[in-house]
Structures are given as C-alpha cells and as structure tokens.
Amino acid sequence: MILIGFYCIASKRNLLKIVIGIEIITIGVNLNILAMGLMENSVEPLAQEMAIVSIAIGAAVAAVSLSILINVYRHYKTLDTRKLRRLRW
C-alpha cells in the first residue's frame, strides 16, 4: 500500500489525489506497525497503541489538509499543481 501511495503522489497533478495518496501511505504504515506487533500466540499492545495514535494523527492531518484544499479551491478555482505553481511569481 505504501508503494501505491507513493505512485499516487508522484503521478497525479490534482492536490486532492495527492492527499489521498498520503492517506494511503498512512494506512500502509499502520498495517506494517500492526503486522510487526504480531507474535506467535499474542499481540503486542504497544504496536496497537502506536497504530491508534497514528490513526488519530492521520485524521488530524487529513482534516487540516482538506481544509487547506477547500481554501485553495475557493481562492484559485483549481486544484491542479501546474496551474498553482505558475501563480507563485
């Protein structure tokens, strides 16, 4: 899932799709944390706690990034990164 997220970030020009790619990477990292916390007959509680904290932080990052996207779209009427880069100068 992490590689799919990186592909989504690298290949897309739409800011919303880039944010979705970042969220896919976050989900992949959480799955890796949980998979590493598995033992033969039990589950590591620290890995579960880390995944829960990571999910909470990911939700906050998603909320902030989506609010920024809404403001960018209201101001510039586009989410295309090529057009937004031209507005820099």
PDB file of N, CA and C in Angstrom:
ATOM      1  N   MET A   1       0.817  -1.192   0.000  1.00  0.00           N
ATOM      2  CA  MET A   1       0.000   0.000   0.000  1.00  0.00           C
ATOM      3  C   MET A   1       0.863   1.259   0.000  1.00  0.00           C
ATOM      4  N   ILE A   2       2.020   1.143   0.614  1.00  0.00           N
ATOM      5  CA  ILE A   2       2.897   2.308   0.671  1.00  0.00           C
ATOM      6  C   ILE A   2       3.358   2.688  -0.732  1.00  0.00           C
ATOM      7  N   LEU A   3       3.706   1.706  -1.534  1.00  0.00           N
ATOM      8  CA  LEU A   3       4.141   1.992  -2.903  1.00  0.00           C
ATOM      9  C   LEU A   3       3.007   2.553  -3.752  1.00  0.00           C
ATOM     10  N   ILE A   4       1.790   2.091  -3.518  1.00  0.00           N
ATOM     11  CA  ILE A   4       0.635   2.640  -4.240  1.00  0.00           C
ATOM     12  C   ILE A   4       0.453   4.111  -3.884  1.00  0.00           C
ATOM     13  N   GLY A   5       0.632   4.447  -2.609  1.00  0.00           N
ATOM     14  CA  GLY A   5       0.528   5.839  -2.185  1.00  0.00           C
ATOM     15  C   GLY A   5       1.599   6.712  -2.809  1.00  0.00           C
ATOM     16  N   PHE A   6       2.841   6.203  -2.857  1.00  0.00           N
ATOM     17  CA  PHE A   6       3.908   6.974  -3.497  1.00  0.00           C
ATOM     18  C   PHE A   6       3.646   7.164  -4.988  1.00  0.00           C
ATOM     19  N   TYR A   7       3.116   6.133  -5.640  1.00  0.00           N
ATOM     20  CA  TYR A   7       2.767   6.261  -7.054  1.00  0.00           C
ATOM     21  C   TYR A   7       1.683   7.317  -7.244  1.00  0.00           C
ATOM     22  N   CYS A   8       0.714   7.321  -6.365  1.00  0.00           N
ATOM     23  CA  CYS A   8      -0.381   8.297  -6.458  1.00  0.00           C
ATOM     24  C   CYS A   8       0.149   9.718  -6.274  1.00  0.00           C
ATOM     25  N   ILE A   9       1.083   9.900  -5.375  1.00  0.00           N
ATOM     26  CA  ILE A   9       1.660  11.231  -5.158  1.00  0.00           C
ATOM     27  C   ILE A   9       2.499  11.655  -6.359  1.00  0.00           C
ATOM     28  N   ALA A  10       3.296  10.731  -6.893  1.00  0.00           N
ATOM     29  CA  ALA A  10       4.225  11.084  -7.964  1.00  0.00           C
ATOM     30  C   ALA A  10       3.542  11.287  -9.309  1.00  0.00           C
ATOM     31  N   SER A  11       2.458  10.584  -9.560  1.00  0.00           N
ATOM     32  CA  SER A  11       1.890  10.622 -10.906  1.00  0.00           C
ATOM     33  C   SER A  11       0.733  11.595 -11.076  1.00  0.00           C
ATOM     34  N   LYS A  12       0.113  12.011 -10.011  1.00  0.00           N
ATOM     35  CA  LYS A  12      -1.079  12.845 -10.127  1.00  0.00           C
ATOM     36  C   LYS A  12      -0.730  14.320  -9.994  1.00  0.00           C
ATOM     37  N   ARG A  13      -1.529  15.154 -10.638  1.00  0.00           N
ATOM     38  CA  ARG A  13      -1.351  16.601 -10.578  1.00  0.00           C
ATOM     39  C   ARG A  13      -2.438  17.292  -9.758  1.00  0.00           C
ATOM     40  N   ASN A  14      -3.431  16.537  -9.331  1.00  0.00           N
ATOM     41  CA  ASN A  14      -4.527  17.097  -8.564  1.00  0.00           C
ATOM     42  C   ASN A  14      -4.180  17.012  -7.078  1.00  0.00           C
ATOM     43  N   LEU A  15      -4.350  18.110  -6.353  1.00  0.00           N
ATOM     44  CA  LEU A  15      -3.988  18.128  -4.945  1.00  0.00           C
ATOM     45  C   LEU A  15      -4.828  17.160  -4.118  1.00  0.00           C
ATOM     46  N   LEU A  16      -6.078  16.979  -4.469  1.00  0.00           N
ATOM     47  CA  LEU A  16      -6.928  16.051  -3.729  1.00  0.00           C
ATOM     48  C   LEU A  16      -6.419  14.620  -3.875  1.00  0.00           C
ATOM     49  N   LYS A  17      -5.987  14.253  -5.063  1.00  0.00           N
ATOM     50  CA  LYS A  17      -5.453  12.905  -5.274  1.00  0.00           C
ATOM     51  C   LYS A  17      -4.118  12.724  -4.554  1.00  0.00           C
ATOM     52  N   ILE A  18      -3.353  13.789  -4.421  1.00  0.00           N
ATOM     53  CA  ILE A  18      -2.106  13.724  -3.665  1.00  0.00           C
ATOM     54  C   ILE A  18      -2.395  13.496  -2.187  1.00  0.00           C
ATOM     55  N   VAL A  19      -3.399  14.179  -1.659  1.00  0.00           N
ATOM     56  CA  VAL A  19      -3.783  13.973  -0.258  1.00  0.00           C
ATOM     57  C   VAL A  19      -4.287  12.544  -0.047  1.00  0.00           C
ATOM     58  N   ILE A  20      -5.034  12.016  -0.999  1.00  0.00           N
ATOM     59  CA  ILE A  20      -5.491  10.629  -0.904  1.00  0.00           C
ATOM     60  C   ILE A  20      -4.289   9.680  -0.908  1.00  0.00           C
ATOM     61  N   GLY A  21      -3.271   9.983  -1.715  1.00  0.00           N
ATOM     62  CA  GLY A  21      -2.048   9.177  -1.720  1.00  0.00           C
ATOM     63  C   GLY A  21      -1.337   9.204  -0.381  1.00  0.00           C
ATOM     64  N   ILE A  22      -1.308  10.361   0.267  1.00  0.00           N
ATOM     65  CA  ILE A  22      -0.699  10.465   1.596  1.00  0.00           C
ATOM     66  C   ILE A  22      -1.471   9.624   2.602  1.00  0.00           C
ATOM     67  N   GLU A  23      -2.778   9.629   2.504  1.00  0.00           N
ATOM     68  CA  GLU A  23      -3.592   8.815   3.409  1.00  0.00           C
ATOM     69  C   GLU A  23      -3.388   7.327   3.155  1.00  0.00           C
ATOM     70  N   ILE A  24      -3.197   6.936   1.907  1.00  0.00           N
ATOM     71  CA  ILE A  24      -2.916   5.528   1.602  1.00  0.00           C
ATOM     72  C   ILE A  24      -1.580   5.118   2.214  1.00  0.00           C
ATOM     73  N   ILE A  25      -0.590   5.994   2.157  1.00  0.00           N
ATOM     74  CA  ILE A  25       0.702   5.712   2.791  1.00  0.00           C
ATOM     75  C   ILE A  25       0.525   5.548   4.294  1.00  0.00           C
ATOM     76  N   THR A  26      -0.278   6.410   4.909  1.00  0.00           N
ATOM     77  CA  THR A  26      -0.523   6.324   6.347  1.00  0.00           C
ATOM     78  C   THR A  26      -1.175   4.992   6.715  1.00  0.00           C
ATOM     79  N   ILE A  27      -2.132   4.556   5.919  1.00  0.00           N
ATOM     80  CA  ILE A  27      -2.789   3.271   6.180  1.00  0.00           C
ATOM     81  C   ILE A  27      -1.788   2.121   6.033  1.00  0.00           C
ATOM     82  N   GLY A  28      -0.925   2.203   5.024  1.00  0.00           N
ATOM     83  CA  GLY A  28       0.092   1.171   4.842  1.00  0.00           C
ATOM     84  C   GLY A  28       1.068   1.101   6.004  1.00  0.00           C
ATOM     85  N   VAL A  29       1.457   2.255   6.527  1.00  0.00           N
ATOM     86  CA  VAL A  29       2.357   2.283   7.681  1.00  0.00           C
ATOM     87  C   VAL A  29       1.664   1.680   8.898  1.00  0.00           C
ATOM     88  N   ASN A  30       0.387   2.004   9.095  1.00  0.00           N
ATOM     89  CA  ASN A  30      -0.353   1.429  10.222  1.00  0.00           C
ATOM     90  C   ASN A  30      -0.448  -0.090  10.107  1.00  0.00           C
ATOM     91  N   LEU A  31      -0.684  -0.585   8.906  1.00  0.00           N
ATOM     92  CA  LEU A  31      -0.730  -2.041   8.713  1.00  0.00           C
ATOM     93  C   LEU A  31       0.624  -2.686   9.011  1.00  0.00           C
ATOM     94  N   ASN A  32       1.712  -2.013   8.626  1.00  0.00           N
ATOM     95  CA  ASN A  32       3.040  -2.549   8.929  1.00  0.00           C
ATOM     96  C   ASN A  32       3.302  -2.562  10.427  1.00  0.00           C
ATOM     97  N   ILE A  33       2.885  -1.510  11.123  1.00  0.00           N
ATOM     98  CA  ILE A  33       3.069  -1.466  12.576  1.00  0.00           C
ATOM     99  C   ILE A  33       2.307  -2.610  13.236  1.00  0.00           C
ATOM    100  N   LEU A  34       1.066  -2.814  12.809  1.00  0.00           N
ATOM    101  CA  LEU A  34       0.274  -3.896  13.395  1.00  0.00           C
ATOM    102  C   LEU A  34       0.831  -5.270  13.036  1.00  0.00           C
ATOM    103  N   ALA A  35       1.332  -5.436  11.831  1.00  0.00           N
ATOM    104  CA  ALA A  35       1.898  -6.728  11.428  1.00  0.00           C
ATOM    105  C   ALA A  35       3.178  -7.035  12.194  1.00  0.00           C
ATOM    106  N   MET A  36       3.969  -6.014  12.480  1.00  0.00           N
ATOM    107  CA  MET A  36       5.191  -6.240  13.245  1.00  0.00           C
ATOM    108  C   MET A  36       4.894  -6.532  14.714  1.00  0.00           C
ATOM    109  N   GLY A  37       3.727  -6.123  15.185  1.00  0.00           N
ATOM    110  CA  GLY A  37       3.365  -6.367  16.572  1.00  0.00           C
ATOM    111  C   GLY A  37       2.784  -7.740  16.826  1.00  0.00           C
ATOM    112  N   LEU A  38       2.571  -8.519  15.775  1.00  0.00           N
ATOM    113  CA  LEU A  38       2.030  -9.868  15.963  1.00  0.00           C
ATOM    114  C   LEU A  38       3.117 -10.813  16.452  1.00  0.00           C
ATOM    115  N   MET A  39       2.758 -11.601  17.450  1.00  0.00           N
ATOM    116  CA  MET A  39       3.660 -12.632  17.938  1.00  0.00           C
ATOM    117  C   MET A  39       3.017 -13.981  17.662  1.00  0.00           C
ATOM    118  N   GLU A  40       3.645 -15.036  18.108  1.00  0.00           N
ATOM    119  CA  GLU A  40       3.126 -16.372  17.815  1.00  0.00           C
ATOM    120  C   GLU A  40       1.733 -16.595  18.399  1.00  0.00           C
ATOM    121  N   ASN A  41       1.546 -16.300  19.668  1.00  0.00           N
ATOM    122  CA  ASN A  41       0.262 -16.573  20.307  1.00  0.00           C
ATOM    123  C   ASN A  41      -0.392 -15.329  20.886  1.00  0.00           C
ATOM    124  N   SER A  42       0.205 -14.176  20.693  1.00  0.00           N
ATOM    125  CA  SER A  42      -0.357 -12.965  21.292  1.00  0.00           C
ATOM    126  C   SER A  42      -0.098 -11.771  20.385  1.00  0.00           C
ATOM    127  N   VAL A  43      -0.599 -10.644  20.835  1.00  0.00           N
ATOM    128  CA  VAL A  43      -0.438  -9.398  20.093  1.00  0.00           C
ATOM    129  C   VAL A  43       0.274  -8.403  21.000  1.00  0.00           C
ATOM    130  N   GLU A  44       1.210  -7.677  20.454  1.00  0.00           N
ATOM    131  CA  GLU A  44       1.953  -6.682  21.221  1.00  0.00           C
ATOM    132  C   GLU A  44       1.063  -5.458  21.454  1.00  0.00           C
ATOM    133  N   PRO A  45       0.784  -5.098  22.712  1.00  0.00           N
ATOM    134  CA  PRO A  45      -0.103  -3.951  22.961  1.00  0.00           C
ATOM    135  C   PRO A  45       0.519  -2.614  22.564  1.00  0.00           C
ATOM    136  N   LEU A  46       1.841  -2.513  22.624  1.00  0.00           N
ATOM    137  CA  LEU A  46       2.493  -1.256  22.239  1.00  0.00           C
ATOM    138  C   LEU A  46       2.275  -0.964  20.756  1.00  0.00           C
ATOM    139  N   ALA A  47       2.306  -1.986  19.932  1.00  0.00           N
ATOM    140  CA  ALA A  47       2.076  -1.791  18.496  1.00  0.00           C
ATOM    141  C   ALA A  47       0.654  -1.320  18.240  1.00  0.00           C
ATOM    142  N   GLN A  48      -0.301  -1.859  18.974  1.00  0.00           N
ATOM    143  CA  GLN A  48      -1.686  -1.415  18.814  1.00  0.00           C
ATOM    144  C   GLN A  48      -1.853   0.033  19.254  1.00  0.00           C
ATOM    145  N   GLU A  49      -1.195   0.397  20.350  1.00  0.00           N
ATOM    146  CA  GLU A  49      -1.270   1.783  20.823  1.00  0.00           C
ATOM    147  C   GLU A  49      -0.635   2.741  19.816  1.00  0.00           C
ATOM    148  N   MET A  50       0.490   2.331  19.250  1.00  0.00           N
ATOM    149  CA  MET A  50       1.133   3.178  18.242  1.00  0.00           C
ATOM    150  C   MET A  50       0.247   3.345  17.019  1.00  0.00           C
ATOM    151  N   ALA A  51      -0.434   2.284  16.611  1.00  0.00           N
ATOM    152  CA  ALA A  51      -1.327   2.367  15.455  1.00  0.00           C
ATOM    153  C   ALA A  51      -2.515   3.275  15.754  1.00  0.00           C
ATOM    154  N   ILE A  52      -3.060   3.207  16.963  1.00  0.00           N
ATOM    155  CA  ILE A  52      -4.192   4.067  17.326  1.00  0.00           C
ATOM    156  C   ILE A  52      -3.770   5.526  17.332  1.00  0.00           C
ATOM    157  N   VAL A  53      -2.603   5.817  17.888  1.00  0.00           N
ATOM    158  CA  VAL A  53      -2.101   7.198  17.888  1.00  0.00           C
ATOM    159  C   VAL A  53      -1.839   7.660  16.461  1.00  0.00           C
ATOM    160  N   SER A  54      -1.295   6.791  15.640  1.00  0.00           N
ATOM    161  CA  SER A  54      -1.033   7.141  14.246  1.00  0.00           C
ATOM    162  C   SER A  54      -2.324   7.404  13.481  1.00  0.00           C
ATOM    163  N   ILE A  55      -3.365   6.639  13.762  1.00  0.00           N
ATOM    164  CA  ILE A  55      -4.657   6.871  13.113  1.00  0.00           C
ATOM    165  C   ILE A  55      -5.219   8.221  13.524  1.00  0.00           C
ATOM    166  N   ALA A  56      -5.094   8.559  14.807  1.00  0.00           N
ATOM    167  CA  ALA A  56      -5.595   9.855  15.283  1.00  0.00           C
ATOM    168  C   ALA A  56      -4.831  11.010  14.646  1.00  0.00           C
ATOM    169  N   ILE A  57      -3.518  10.882  14.564  1.00  0.00           N
ATOM    170  CA  ILE A  57      -2.710  11.930  13.932  1.00  0.00           C
ATOM    171  C   ILE A  57      -3.029  12.018  12.445  1.00  0.00           C
ATOM    172  N   GLY A  58      -3.216  10.880  11.797  1.00  0.00           N
ATOM    173  CA  GLY A  58      -3.581  10.872  10.378  1.00  0.00           C
ATOM    174  C   GLY A  58      -4.914  11.540  10.117  1.00  0.00           C
ATOM    175  N   ALA A  59      -5.862  11.347  11.029  1.00  0.00           N
ATOM    176  CA  ALA A  59      -7.161  12.003  10.872  1.00  0.00           C
ATOM    177  C   ALA A  59      -7.028  13.513  11.009  1.00  0.00           C
ATOM    178  N   ALA A  60      -6.194  13.958  11.941  1.00  0.00           N
ATOM    179  CA  ALA A  60      -5.979  15.397  12.101  1.00  0.00           C
ATOM    180  C   ALA A  60      -5.284  15.987  10.877  1.00  0.00           C
ATOM    181  N   VAL A  61      -4.298  15.290  10.358  1.00  0.00           N
ATOM    182  CA  VAL A  61      -3.598  15.762   9.158  1.00  0.00           C
ATOM    183  C   VAL A  61      -4.549  15.812   7.971  1.00  0.00           C
ATOM    184  N   ALA A  62      -5.398  14.809   7.835  1.00  0.00           N
ATOM    185  CA  ALA A  62      -6.364  14.792   6.734  1.00  0.00           C
ATOM    186  C   ALA A  62      -7.339  15.953   6.848  1.00  0.00           C
ATOM    187  N   ALA A  63      -7.796  16.241   8.059  1.00  0.00           N
ATOM    188  CA  ALA A  63      -8.741  17.345   8.243  1.00  0.00           C
ATOM    189  C   ALA A  63      -8.100  18.685   7.899  1.00  0.00           C
ATOM    190  N   VAL A  64      -6.869  18.894   8.347  1.00  0.00           N
ATOM    191  CA  VAL A  64      -6.182  20.157   8.054  1.00  0.00           C
ATOM    192  C   VAL A  64      -5.890  20.277   6.565  1.00  0.00           C
ATOM    193  N   SER A  65      -5.425  19.200   5.947  1.00  0.00           N
ATOM    194  CA  SER A  65      -5.101  19.281   4.520  1.00  0.00           C
ATOM    195  C   SER A  65      -6.355  19.486   3.673  1.00  0.00           C
ATOM    196  N   LEU A  66      -7.462  18.866   4.045  1.00  0.00           N
ATOM    197  CA  LEU A  66      -8.693  19.088   3.288  1.00  0.00           C
ATOM    198  C   LEU A  66      -9.223  20.505   3.471  1.00  0.00           C
ATOM    199  N   SER A  67      -9.048  21.075   4.659  1.00  0.00           N
ATOM    200  CA  SER A  67      -9.474  22.469   4.838  1.00  0.00           C
ATOM    201  C   SER A  67      -8.598  23.415   4.021  1.00  0.00           C
ATOM    202  N   ILE A  68      -7.314  23.119   3.924  1.00  0.00           N
ATOM    203  CA  ILE A  68      -6.437  23.924   3.071  1.00  0.00           C
ATOM    204  C   ILE A  68      -6.842  23.774   1.608  1.00  0.00           C
ATOM    205  N   LEU A  69      -7.183  22.548   1.187  1.00  0.00           N
ATOM    206  CA  LEU A  69      -7.627  22.332  -0.193  1.00  0.00           C
ATOM    207  C   LEU A  69      -8.897  23.114  -0.501  1.00  0.00           C
ATOM    208  N   ILE A  70      -9.816  23.154   0.437  1.00  0.00           N
ATOM    209  CA  ILE A  70     -11.052  23.915   0.225  1.00  0.00           C
ATOM    210  C   ILE A  70     -10.740  25.389   0.043  1.00  0.00           C
ATOM    211  N   ASN A  71      -9.847  25.922   0.871  1.00  0.00           N
ATOM    212  CA  ASN A  71      -9.491  27.337   0.742  1.00  0.00           C
ATOM    213  C   ASN A  71      -8.741  27.623  -0.556  1.00  0.00           C
ATOM    214  N   VAL A  72      -7.863  26.726  -0.981  1.00  0.00           N
ATOM    215  CA  VAL A  72      -7.153  26.910  -2.250  1.00  0.00           C
ATOM    216  C   VAL A  72      -8.137  26.894  -3.406  1.00  0.00           C
ATOM    217  N   TYR A  73      -9.092  25.977  -3.374  1.00  0.00           N
ATOM    218  CA  TYR A  73     -10.067  25.910  -4.462  1.00  0.00           C
ATOM    219  C   TYR A  73     -10.961  27.149  -4.485  1.00  0.00           C
ATOM    220  N   ARG A  74     -11.346  27.633  -3.327  1.00  0.00           N
ATOM    221  CA  ARG A  74     -12.179  28.843  -3.289  1.00  0.00           C
ATOM    222  C   ARG A  74     -11.425  30.058  -3.826  1.00  0.00           C
ATOM    223  N   HIS A  75     -10.144  30.117  -3.559  1.00  0.00           N
ATOM    224  CA  HIS A  75      -9.364  31.286  -3.959  1.00  0.00           C
ATOM    225  C   HIS A  75      -8.929  31.220  -5.415  1.00  0.00           C
ATOM    226  N   TYR A  76      -8.433  30.062  -5.864  1.00  0.00           N
ATOM    227  CA  TYR A  76      -7.858  29.939  -7.207  1.00  0.00           C
ATOM    228  C   TYR A  76      -8.751  29.208  -8.201  1.00  0.00           C
ATOM    229  N   LYS A  77      -9.811  28.568  -7.742  1.00  0.00           N
ATOM    230  CA  LYS A  77     -10.751  27.825  -8.597  1.00  0.00           C
ATOM    231  C   LYS A  77     -10.102  26.647  -9.320  1.00  0.00           C
ATOM    232  N   THR A  78      -9.026  26.114  -8.792  1.00  0.00           N
ATOM    233  CA  THR A  78      -8.373  24.941  -9.367  1.00  0.00           C
ATOM    234  C   THR A  78      -7.595  24.208  -8.278  1.00  0.00           C
ATOM    235  N   LEU A  79      -7.359  22.914  -8.499  1.00  0.00           N
ATOM    236  CA  LEU A  79      -6.507  22.120  -7.624  1.00  0.00           C
ATOM    237  C   LEU A  79      -5.335  21.516  -8.398  1.00  0.00           C
ATOM    238  N   ASP A  80      -5.130  21.968  -9.627  1.00  0.00           N
ATOM    239  CA  ASP A  80      -4.049  21.469 -10.470  1.00  0.00           C
ATOM    240  C   ASP A  80      -2.734  22.093 -10.020  1.00  0.00           C
ATOM    241  N   THR A  81      -1.738  21.259  -9.730  1.00  0.00           N
ATOM    242  CA  THR A  81      -0.475  21.774  -9.211  1.00  0.00           C
ATOM    243  C   THR A  81       0.302  22.570 -10.257  1.00  0.00           C
ATOM    244  N   ARG A  82       0.143  22.245 -11.533  1.00  0.00           N
ATOM    245  CA  ARG A  82       0.849  23.010 -12.571  1.00  0.00           C
ATOM    246  C   ARG A  82       0.351  24.448 -12.620  1.00  0.00           C
ATOM    247  N   LYS A  83      -0.952  24.631 -12.504  1.00  0.00           N
ATOM    248  CA  LYS A  83      -1.509  25.982 -12.532  1.00  0.00           C
ATOM    249  C   LYS A  83      -1.182  26.743 -11.252  1.00  0.00           C
ATOM    250  N   LEU A  84      -1.142  26.042 -10.128  1.00  0.00           N
ATOM    251  CA  LEU A  84      -0.829  26.710  -8.865  1.00  0.00           C
ATOM    252  C   LEU A  84       0.638  27.113  -8.796  1.00  0.00           C
ATOM    253  N   ARG A  85       1.527  26.370  -9.433  1.00  0.00           N
ATOM    254  CA  ARG A  85       2.943  26.751  -9.455  1.00  0.00           C
ATOM    255  C   ARG A  85       3.171  28.017 -10.269  1.00  0.00           C
ATOM    256  N   ARG A  86       2.397  28.213 -11.312  1.00  0.00           N
ATOM    257  CA  ARG A  86       2.537  29.429 -12.121  1.00  0.00           C
ATOM    258  C   ARG A  86       2.145  30.664 -11.331  1.00  0.00           C
ATOM    259  N   LEU A  87       1.301  30.516 -10.339  1.00  0.00           N
ATOM    260  CA  LEU A  87       0.835  31.654  -9.560  1.00  0.00           C
ATOM    261  C   LEU A  87       1.857  32.112  -8.529  1.00  0.00           C
ATOM    262  N   ARG A  88       2.949  31.386  -8.394  1.00  0.00           N
ATOM    263  CA  ARG A  88       3.930  31.720  -7.372  1.00  0.00           C
ATOM    264  C   ARG A  88       4.567  33.082  -7.635  1.00  0.00           C
ATOM    265  N   TRP A  89       4.934  33.381  -8.879  1.00  0.00           N
ATOM    266  CA  TRP A  89       5.605  34.640  -9.184  1.00  0.00           C
ATOM    267  C   TRP A  89       4.645  35.517  -9.870  1.00  0.00           C
TER     268      TRP A  89
END
